[in-house]
Amino acid sequence: YLQMNKLKPEDTAVYYCAAGPLFGRPEIRHWGPNNFDYWGQ
């Protein structure tokens, strides 16, 4: 989930969900888009 409060006009965008396997990868705080293998529409 993503609970979004106090929304602003600059939050306007298409929001994408992404998933990536944790095994063998760095700590998630260091992840960039390339660590996410699966994306929604």
All heavy atoms as atom14 arrays in JSON, in Angstrom:
{
  "sequence": "YLQMNKLKPEDTAVYYCAAGPLFGRPEIRHWGPNNFDYWGQ",
  "atom14_mask": [
    [1, 1, 1, 1, 1, 1, 1, 1, 1, 1, 1, 1, 0, 0],
    [1, 1, 1, 1, 1, 1, 1, 1, 0, 0, 0, 0, 0, 0],
    [1, 1, 1, 1, 1, 1, 1, 1, 1, 0, 0, 0, 0, 0],
    [1, 1, 1, 1, 1, 1, 1, 1, 0, 0, 0, 0, 0, 0],
    [1, 1, 1, 1, 1, 1, 1, 1, 0, 0, 0, 0, 0, 0],
    [1, 1, 1, 1, 1, 1, 1, 1, 1, 0, 0, 0, 0, 0],
    [1, 1, 1, 1, 1, 1, 1, 1, 0, 0, 0, 0, 0, 0],
    [1, 1, 1, 1, 1, 1, 1, 1, 1, 0, 0, 0, 0, 0],
    [1, 1, 1, 1, 1, 1, 1, 0, 0, 0, 0, 0, 0, 0],
    [1, 1, 1, 1, 1, 1, 1, 1, 1, 0, 0, 0, 0, 0],
    [1, 1, 1, 1, 1, 1, 1, 1, 0, 0, 0, 0, 0, 0],
    [1, 1, 1, 1, 1, 1, 1, 0, 0, 0, 0, 0, 0, 0],
    [1, 1, 1, 1, 1, 0, 0, 0, 0, 0, 0, 0, 0, 0],
    [1, 1, 1, 1, 1, 1, 1, 0, 0, 0, 0, 0, 0, 0],
    [1, 1, 1, 1, 1, 1, 1, 1, 1, 1, 1, 1, 0, 0],
    [1, 1, 1, 1, 1, 1, 1, 1, 1, 1, 1, 1, 0, 0],
    [1, 1, 1, 1, 1, 1, 0, 0, 0, 0, 0, 0, 0, 0],
    [1, 1, 1, 1, 1, 0, 0, 0, 0, 0, 0, 0, 0, 0],
    [1, 1, 1, 1, 1, 0, 0, 0, 0, 0, 0, 0, 0, 0],
    [1, 1, 1, 1, 0, 0, 0, 0, 0, 0, 0, 0, 0, 0],
    [1, 1, 1, 1, 1, 1, 1, 0, 0, 0, 0, 0, 0, 0],
    [1, 1, 1, 1, 1, 1, 1, 1, 0, 0, 0, 0, 0, 0],
    [1, 1, 1, 1, 1, 1, 1, 1, 1, 1, 1, 0, 0, 0],
    [1, 1, 1, 1, 0, 0, 0, 0, 0, 0, 0, 0, 0, 0],
    [1, 1, 1, 1, 1, 1, 1, 1, 1, 1, 1, 0, 0, 0],
    [1, 1, 1, 1, 1, 1, 1, 0, 0, 0, 0, 0, 0, 0],
    [1, 1, 1, 1, 1, 1, 1, 1, 1, 0, 0, 0, 0, 0],
    [1, 1, 1, 1, 1, 1, 1, 1, 0, 0, 0, 0, 0, 0],
    [1, 1, 1, 1, 1, 1, 1, 1, 1, 1, 1, 0, 0, 0],
    [1, 1, 1, 1, 1, 1, 1, 1, 1, 1, 0, 0, 0, 0],
    [1, 1, 1, 1, 1, 1, 1, 1, 1, 1, 1, 1, 1, 1],
    [1, 1, 1, 1, 0, 0, 0, 0, 0, 0, 0, 0, 0, 0],
    [1, 1, 1, 1, 1, 1, 1, 0, 0, 0, 0, 0, 0, 0],
    [1, 1, 1, 1, 1, 1, 1, 1, 0, 0, 0, 0, 0, 0],
    [1, 1, 1, 1, 1, 1, 1, 1, 0, 0, 0, 0, 0, 0],
    [1, 1, 1, 1, 1, 1, 1, 1, 1, 1, 1, 0, 0, 0],
    [1, 1, 1, 1, 1, 1, 1, 1, 0, 0, 0, 0, 0, 0],
    [1, 1, 1, 1, 1, 1, 1, 1, 1, 1, 1, 1, 0, 0],
    [1, 1, 1, 1, 1, 1, 1, 1, 1, 1, 1, 1, 1, 1],
    [1, 1, 1, 1, 0, 0, 0, 0, 0, 0, 0, 0, 0, 0],
    [1, 1, 1, 1, 1, 1, 1, 1, 1, 0, 0, 0, 0, 0]
  ],
  "atom14_positions": [
    [[0.83, -1.2, 0.0], [0.0, 0.0, 0.0], [0.87, 1.27, 0.0], [2.02, 1.24, 0.43], [-0.9, 0.03, 1.24], [-1.75, -1.19, 1.4], [-1.34, -2.23, 2.25], [-2.95, -1.33, 0.73], [-2.12, -3.36, 2.41], [-3.73, -2.46, 0.88], [-3.31, -3.47, 1.72], [-4.08, -4.6, 1.87], [0.0, 0.0, 0.0], [0.0, 0.0, 0.0]],
    [[0.28, 2.35, -0.46], [0.88, 3.66, -0.31], [-0.22, 4.6, 0.15], [-1.09, 4.97, -0.63], [1.51, 4.16, -1.61], [2.27, 5.47, -1.48], [3.53, 5.28, -0.62], [2.65, 6.03, -2.85], [0.0, 0.0, 0.0], [0.0, 0.0, 0.0], [0.0, 0.0, 0.0], [0.0, 0.0, 0.0], [0.0, 0.0, 0.0], [0.0, 0.0, 0.0]],
    [[-0.18, 4.96, 1.43], [-1.12, 5.93, 1.97], [-0.56, 7.31, 1.71], [0.54, 7.63, 2.18], [-1.33, 5.71, 3.47], [-2.26, 6.71, 4.12], [-3.68, 6.6, 3.62], [-4.21, 5.52, 3.48], [-4.31, 7.75, 3.36], [0.0, 0.0, 0.0], [0.0, 0.0, 0.0], [0.0, 0.0, 0.0], [0.0, 0.0, 0.0], [0.0, 0.0, 0.0]],
    [[-1.3, 8.12, 0.99], [-0.84, 9.45, 0.62], [-1.75, 10.49, 1.25], [-2.94, 10.55, 0.94], [-0.84, 9.6, -0.91], [-0.02, 8.54, -1.62], [0.09, 8.82, -3.4], [-1.61, 8.6, -3.87], [0.0, 0.0, 0.0], [0.0, 0.0, 0.0], [0.0, 0.0, 0.0], [0.0, 0.0, 0.0], [0.0, 0.0, 0.0], [0.0, 0.0, 0.0]],
    [[-1.19, 11.28, 2.15], [-1.93, 12.33, 2.84], [-1.4, 13.7, 2.43], [-0.28, 13.82, 1.92], [-1.8, 12.16, 4.35], [-2.39, 10.86, 4.84], [-3.34, 10.32, 4.25], [-1.83, 10.32, 5.91], [0.0, 0.0, 0.0], [0.0, 0.0, 0.0], [0.0, 0.0, 0.0], [0.0, 0.0, 0.0], [0.0, 0.0, 0.0], [0.0, 0.0, 0.0]],
    [[-2.19, 14.71, 2.68], [-1.79, 16.1, 2.39], [-1.25, 16.22, 0.97], [-0.18, 16.78, 0.75], [-0.77, 16.57, 3.41], [-1.26, 16.54, 4.84], [-0.19, 16.99, 5.82], [-0.69, 16.93, 7.25], [0.36, 17.34, 8.22], [0.0, 0.0, 0.0], [0.0, 0.0, 0.0], [0.0, 0.0, 0.0], [0.0, 0.0, 0.0], [0.0, 0.0, 0.0]],
    [[-2.0, 15.7, 0.03], [-1.54, 15.69, -1.36], [-1.41, 17.1, -1.91], [-2.17, 18.01, -1.56], [-2.49, 14.87, -2.22], [-2.31, 13.35, -2.07], [-3.53, 12.61, -2.58], [-1.06, 12.9, -2.8], [0.0, 0.0, 0.0], [0.0, 0.0, 0.0], [0.0, 0.0, 0.0], [0.0, 0.0, 0.0], [0.0, 0.0, 0.0], [0.0, 0.0, 0.0]],
    [[-0.42, 17.25, -2.78], [-0.11, 18.53, -3.42], [-0.2, 18.36, -4.93], [-0.04, 17.25, -5.45], [1.3, 18.96, -3.04], [1.57, 19.04, -1.55], [3.04, 19.36, -1.3], [3.34, 19.44, 0.19], [4.77, 19.74, 0.45], [0.0, 0.0, 0.0], [0.0, 0.0, 0.0], [0.0, 0.0, 0.0], [0.0, 0.0, 0.0], [0.0, 0.0, 0.0]],
    [[-0.4, 19.46, -5.65], [-0.43, 19.36, -7.12], [0.83, 18.72, -7.7], [0.75, 18.0, -8.71], [-0.58, 20.82, -7.56], [-1.31, 21.46, -6.44], [-0.78, 20.8, -5.19], [0.0, 0.0, 0.0], [0.0, 0.0, 0.0], [0.0, 0.0, 0.0], [0.0, 0.0, 0.0], [0.0, 0.0, 0.0], [0.0, 0.0, 0.0], [0.0, 0.0, 0.0]],
    [[1.96, 18.94, -7.06], [3.22, 18.37, -7.57], [3.3, 16.86, -7.35], [4.24, 16.21, -7.84], [4.43, 19.06, -6.94], [4.4, 19.16, -5.42], [3.87, 20.51, -4.96], [2.85, 20.99, -5.51], [4.47, 21.08, -4.01], [0.0, 0.0, 0.0], [0.0, 0.0, 0.0], [0.0, 0.0, 0.0], [0.0, 0.0, 0.0], [0.0, 0.0, 0.0]],
    [[2.33, 16.28, -6.65], [2.27, 14.82, -6.53], [1.56, 14.19, -7.73], [1.52, 12.96, -7.84], [1.52, 14.42, -5.26], [2.24, 14.84, -3.99], [3.48, 14.67, -3.94], [1.58, 15.31, -3.06], [0.0, 0.0, 0.0], [0.0, 0.0, 0.0], [0.0, 0.0, 0.0], [0.0, 0.0, 0.0], [0.0, 0.0, 0.0], [0.0, 0.0, 0.0]],
    [[1.02, 15.01, -8.6], [0.34, 14.5, -9.78], [1.31, 13.71, -10.65], [2.37, 14.21, -11.04], [-0.25, 15.66, -10.6], [-1.29, 16.29, -9.82], [-0.85, 15.16, -11.91], [0.0, 0.0, 0.0], [0.0, 0.0, 0.0], [0.0, 0.0, 0.0], [0.0, 0.0, 0.0], [0.0, 0.0, 0.0], [0.0, 0.0, 0.0], [0.0, 0.0, 0.0]],
    [[0.94, 12.47, -10.95], [1.81, 11.58, -11.71], [1.11, 10.24, -11.91], [0.08, 9.97, -11.29], [3.14, 11.36, -10.98], [0.0, 0.0, 0.0], [0.0, 0.0, 0.0], [0.0, 0.0, 0.0], [0.0, 0.0, 0.0], [0.0, 0.0, 0.0], [0.0, 0.0, 0.0], [0.0, 0.0, 0.0], [0.0, 0.0, 0.0], [0.0, 0.0, 0.0]],
    [[1.7, 9.43, -12.74], [1.34, 8.01, -12.8], [2.21, 7.29, -11.79], [3.43, 7.44, -11.8], [1.55, 7.43, -14.21], [1.22, 5.94, -14.21], [0.7, 8.17, -15.23], [0.0, 0.0, 0.0], [0.0, 0.0, 0.0], [0.0, 0.0, 0.0], [0.0, 0.0, 0.0], [0.0, 0.0, 0.0], [0.0, 0.0, 0.0], [0.0, 0.0, 0.0]],
    [[1.58, 6.55, -10.91], [2.29, 5.84, -9.85], [2.43, 4.36, -10.23], [1.45, 3.71, -10.59], [1.55, 5.98, -8.53], [1.76, 7.34, -7.91], [1.19, 8.48, -8.46], [2.56, 7.49, -6.78], [1.41, 9.74, -7.91], [2.78, 8.74, -6.21], [2.2, 9.86, -6.78], [2.42, 11.1, -6.23], [0.0, 0.0, 0.0], [0.0, 0.0, 0.0]],
    [[3.66, 3.86, -10.1], [3.97, 2.5, -10.48], [4.41, 1.69, -9.27], [5.18, 2.15, -8.43], [5.1, 2.47, -11.51], [4.76, 3.12, -12.83], [5.03, 4.47, -13.04], [4.18, 2.39, -13.85], [4.73, 5.08, -14.24], [3.88, 2.98, -15.07], [4.15, 4.33, -15.25], [3.85, 4.92, -16.46], [0.0, 0.0, 0.0], [0.0, 0.0, 0.0]],
    [[3.93, 0.47, -9.23], [4.36, -0.51, -8.23], [5.46, -1.35, -8.86], [5.4, -1.67, -10.05], [3.16, -1.38, -7.86], [3.52, -2.88, -6.98], [0.0, 0.0, 0.0], [0.0, 0.0, 0.0], [0.0, 0.0, 0.0], [0.0, 0.0, 0.0], [0.0, 0.0, 0.0], [0.0, 0.0, 0.0], [0.0, 0.0, 0.0], [0.0, 0.0, 0.0]],
    [[6.45, -1.72, -8.06], [7.55, -2.52, -8.57], [8.0, -3.54, -7.53], [7.89, -3.29, -6.33], [8.72, -1.63, -8.97], [0.0, 0.0, 0.0], [0.0, 0.0, 0.0], [0.0, 0.0, 0.0], [0.0, 0.0, 0.0], [0.0, 0.0, 0.0], [0.0, 0.0, 0.0], [0.0, 0.0, 0.0], [0.0, 0.0, 0.0], [0.0, 0.0, 0.0]],
    [[8.52, -4.67, -8.02], [8.96, -5.74, -7.14], [10.3, -6.29, -7.62], [10.56, -6.36, -8.83], [7.93, -6.87, -7.11], [0.0, 0.0, 0.0], [0.0, 0.0, 0.0], [0.0, 0.0, 0.0], [0.0, 0.0, 0.0], [0.0, 0.0, 0.0], [0.0, 0.0, 0.0], [0.0, 0.0, 0.0], [0.0, 0.0, 0.0], [0.0, 0.0, 0.0]],
    [[11.14, -6.68, -6.67], [12.4, -7.29, -7.0], [12.78, -8.32, -5.96], [12.55, -8.11, -4.77], [0.0, 0.0, 0.0], [0.0, 0.0, 0.0], [0.0, 0.0, 0.0], [0.0, 0.0, 0.0], [0.0, 0.0, 0.0], [0.0, 0.0, 0.0], [0.0, 0.0, 0.0], [0.0, 0.0, 0.0], [0.0, 0.0, 0.0], [0.0, 0.0, 0.0]],
    [[13.34, -9.46, -6.35], [13.73, -10.49, -5.37], [14.84, -9.98, -4.46], [15.77, -9.31, -4.91], [14.2, -11.64, -6.24], [14.58, -11.01, -7.54], [13.69, -9.84, -7.72], [0.0, 0.0, 0.0], [0.0, 0.0, 0.0], [0.0, 0.0, 0.0], [0.0, 0.0, 0.0], [0.0, 0.0, 0.0], [0.0, 0.0, 0.0], [0.0, 0.0, 0.0]],
    [[14.73, -10.3, -3.18], [15.71, -9.84, -2.2], [16.98, -10.67, -2.2], [18.06, -10.16, -1.9], [15.08, -9.89, -0.81], [13.95, -8.89, -0.56], [13.17, -9.27, 0.68], [14.5, -7.48, -0.42], [0.0, 0.0, 0.0], [0.0, 0.0, 0.0], [0.0, 0.0, 0.0], [0.0, 0.0, 0.0], [0.0, 0.0, 0.0], [0.0, 0.0, 0.0]],
    [[16.87, -11.94, -2.56], [18.0, -12.85, -2.45], [19.17, -12.39, -3.31], [19.02, -12.11, -4.5], [17.59, -14.26, -2.86], [18.71, -15.26, -2.78], [19.1, -15.76, -1.55], [19.39, -15.68, -3.92], [20.15, -16.67, -1.46], [20.43, -16.58, -3.84], [20.8, -17.08, -2.61], [0.0, 0.0, 0.0], [0.0, 0.0, 0.0], [0.0, 0.0, 0.0]],
    [[20.34, -12.31, -2.7], [21.54, -11.99, -3.44], [21.71, -10.54, -3.81], [22.6, -10.19, -4.6], [0.0, 0.0, 0.0], [0.0, 0.0, 0.0], [0.0, 0.0, 0.0], [0.0, 0.0, 0.0], [0.0, 0.0, 0.0], [0.0, 0.0, 0.0], [0.0, 0.0, 0.0], [0.0, 0.0, 0.0], [0.0, 0.0, 0.0], [0.0, 0.0, 0.0]],
    [[20.87, -9.7, -3.25], [20.94, -8.27, -3.6], [21.3, -7.44, -2.39], [21.17, -7.86, -1.26], [19.61, -7.83, -4.19], [19.31, -8.56, -5.5], [18.21, -7.95, -6.29], [18.06, -8.65, -7.56], [17.19, -8.32, -8.48], [16.37, -7.29, -8.29], [17.12, -9.0, -9.6], [0.0, 0.0, 0.0], [0.0, 0.0, 0.0], [0.0, 0.0, 0.0]],
    [[21.77, -6.21, -2.63], [22.14, -5.33, -1.52], [20.93, -5.01, -0.64], [19.78, -5.29, -1.01], [22.63, -4.06, -2.22], [22.81, -4.39, -3.64], [21.97, -5.58, -3.94], [0.0, 0.0, 0.0], [0.0, 0.0, 0.0], [0.0, 0.0, 0.0], [0.0, 0.0, 0.0], [0.0, 0.0, 0.0], [0.0, 0.0, 0.0], [0.0, 0.0, 0.0]],
    [[21.22, -4.39, 0.49], [20.14, -3.93, 1.36], [19.24, -2.99, 0.58], [19.71, -2.17, -0.22], [20.75, -3.2, 2.56], [19.77, -2.9, 3.67], [20.47, -2.28, 4.87], [21.71, -2.35, 4.95], [19.76, -1.7, 5.71], [0.0, 0.0, 0.0], [0.0, 0.0, 0.0], [0.0, 0.0, 0.0], [0.0, 0.0, 0.0], [0.0, 0.0, 0.0]],
    [[17.97, -3.07, 0.82], [17.01, -2.39, -0.03], [17.16, -0.87, -0.01], [16.76, -0.18, -0.95], [15.57, -2.81, 0.35], [14.61, -2.5, -0.79], [15.14, -2.17, 1.66], [13.26, -3.12, -0.65], [0.0, 0.0, 0.0], [0.0, 0.0, 0.0], [0.0, 0.0, 0.0], [0.0, 0.0, 0.0], [0.0, 0.0, 0.0], [0.0, 0.0, 0.0]],
    [[17.77, -0.33, 1.02], [17.96, 1.12, 1.06], [18.84, 1.6, -0.09], [18.82, 2.78, -0.44], [18.59, 1.54, 2.39], [20.06, 1.22, 2.54], [20.63, 1.83, 3.79], [20.1, 1.25, 5.0], [20.31, 1.72, 6.23], [21.02, 2.82, 6.38], [19.81, 1.14, 7.28], [0.0, 0.0, 0.0], [0.0, 0.0, 0.0], [0.0, 0.0, 0.0]],
    [[19.61, 0.68, -0.66], [20.53, 1.03, -1.75], [19.94, 0.74, -3.12], [20.6, 0.95, -4.13], [21.84, 0.27, -1.59], [22.53, 0.55, -0.29], [22.93, 1.81, 0.08], [22.89, -0.28, 0.73], [23.5, 1.75, 1.27], [23.49, 0.51, 1.69], [0.0, 0.0, 0.0], [0.0, 0.0, 0.0], [0.0, 0.0, 0.0], [0.0, 0.0, 0.0]],
    [[18.7, 0.26, -3.17], [18.12, -0.13, -4.45], [17.78, 1.07, -5.31], [17.27, 2.08, -4.83], [16.86, -0.95, -4.23], [17.11, -2.36, -3.83], [18.24, -2.87, -3.24], [16.21, -3.45, -3.97], [18.08, -4.21, -3.01], [16.86, -4.6, -3.45], [14.92, -3.57, -4.49], [16.25, -5.85, -3.44], [14.32, -4.82, -4.49], [14.98, -5.94, -3.96]],
    [[18.05, 0.89, -6.6], [17.57, 1.81, -7.6], [16.58, 1.1, -8.5], [16.27, -0.08, -8.28], [0.0, 0.0, 0.0], [0.0, 0.0, 0.0], [0.0, 0.0, 0.0], [0.0, 0.0, 0.0], [0.0, 0.0, 0.0], [0.0, 0.0, 0.0], [0.0, 0.0, 0.0], [0.0, 0.0, 0.0], [0.0, 0.0, 0.0], [0.0, 0.0, 0.0]],
    [[16.08, 1.79, -9.52], [15.08, 1.17, -10.41], [15.55, -0.15, -11.01], [14.72, -1.05, -11.24], [14.88, 2.22, -11.5], [15.23, 3.51, -10.83], [16.34, 3.18, -9.87], [0.0, 0.0, 0.0], [0.0, 0.0, 0.0], [0.0, 0.0, 0.0], [0.0, 0.0, 0.0], [0.0, 0.0, 0.0], [0.0, 0.0, 0.0], [0.0, 0.0, 0.0]],
    [[16.84, -0.3, -11.24], [17.35, -1.53, -11.87], [17.22, -2.75, -10.97], [17.35, -3.89, -11.44], [18.81, -1.34, -12.28], [18.96, -0.38, -13.45], [18.01, -0.16, -14.19], [20.13, 0.19, -13.59], [0.0, 0.0, 0.0], [0.0, 0.0, 0.0], [0.0, 0.0, 0.0], [0.0, 0.0, 0.0], [0.0, 0.0, 0.0], [0.0, 0.0, 0.0]],
    [[17.0, -2.57, -9.67], [16.84, -3.7, -8.77], [15.41, -4.26, -8.79], [15.14, -5.29, -8.19], [17.19, -3.3, -7.34], [18.68, -3.04, -7.18], [19.1, -1.9, -7.02], [19.49, -4.08, -7.23], [0.0, 0.0, 0.0], [0.0, 0.0, 0.0], [0.0, 0.0, 0.0], [0.0, 0.0, 0.0], [0.0, 0.0, 0.0], [0.0, 0.0, 0.0]],
    [[14.52, -3.54, -9.43], [13.13, -3.97, -9.5], [12.88, -4.63, -10.85], [13.02, -3.99, -11.9], [12.18, -2.78, -9.3], [12.25, -2.2, -7.92], [13.11, -1.16, -7.63], [11.45, -2.7, -6.91], [13.19, -0.63, -6.34], [11.51, -2.18, -5.63], [12.38, -1.14, -5.34], [0.0, 0.0, 0.0], [0.0, 0.0, 0.0], [0.0, 0.0, 0.0]],
    [[12.56, -5.91, -10.83], [12.41, -6.69, -12.06], [10.99, -6.65, -12.63], [10.8, -6.9, -13.82], [12.77, -8.15, -11.79], [14.23, -8.3, -11.38], [15.05, -7.45, -11.76], [14.55, -9.27, -10.66], [0.0, 0.0, 0.0], [0.0, 0.0, 0.0], [0.0, 0.0, 0.0], [0.0, 0.0, 0.0], [0.0, 0.0, 0.0], [0.0, 0.0, 0.0]],
    [[10.02, -6.39, -11.77], [8.62, -6.49, -12.19], [7.9, -5.18, -11.9], [8.0, -4.64, -10.79], [7.94, -7.65, -11.48], [8.7, -8.94, -11.6], [9.46, -9.43, -10.54], [8.7, -9.65, -12.79], [10.19, -10.6, -10.66], [9.42, -10.83, -12.92], [10.16, -11.29, -11.86], [10.89, -12.45, -11.99], [0.0, 0.0, 0.0], [0.0, 0.0, 0.0]],
    [[7.19, -4.7, -12.91], [6.53, -3.41, -12.82], [5.06, -3.54, -13.22], [4.72, -4.31, -14.11], [7.21, -2.4, -13.76], [8.61, -2.07, -13.36], [9.73, -2.81, -13.59], [9.05, -0.9, -12.66], [10.84, -2.18, -13.06], [10.44, -1.0, -12.5], [8.39, 0.23, -12.17], [11.2, -0.02, -11.85], [9.14, 1.19, -11.53], [10.53, 1.07, -11.38]],
    [[4.22, -2.73, -12.57], [2.83, -2.66, -12.96], [2.62, -1.67, -14.09], [3.57, -1.04, -14.56], [0.0, 0.0, 0.0], [0.0, 0.0, 0.0], [0.0, 0.0, 0.0], [0.0, 0.0, 0.0], [0.0, 0.0, 0.0], [0.0, 0.0, 0.0], [0.0, 0.0, 0.0], [0.0, 0.0, 0.0], [0.0, 0.0, 0.0], [0.0, 0.0, 0.0]],
    [[1.37, -1.54, -14.49], [1.03, -0.64, -15.59], [0.83, 0.8, -15.13], [0.77, 1.71, -15.97], [-0.24, -1.15, -16.28], [-0.05, -2.48, -16.98], [1.01, -2.41, -18.05], [0.97, -1.56, -18.95], [2.0, -3.29, -17.98], [0.0, 0.0, 0.0], [0.0, 0.0, 0.0], [0.0, 0.0, 0.0], [0.0, 0.0, 0.0], [0.0, 0.0, 0.0]]
  ]
}
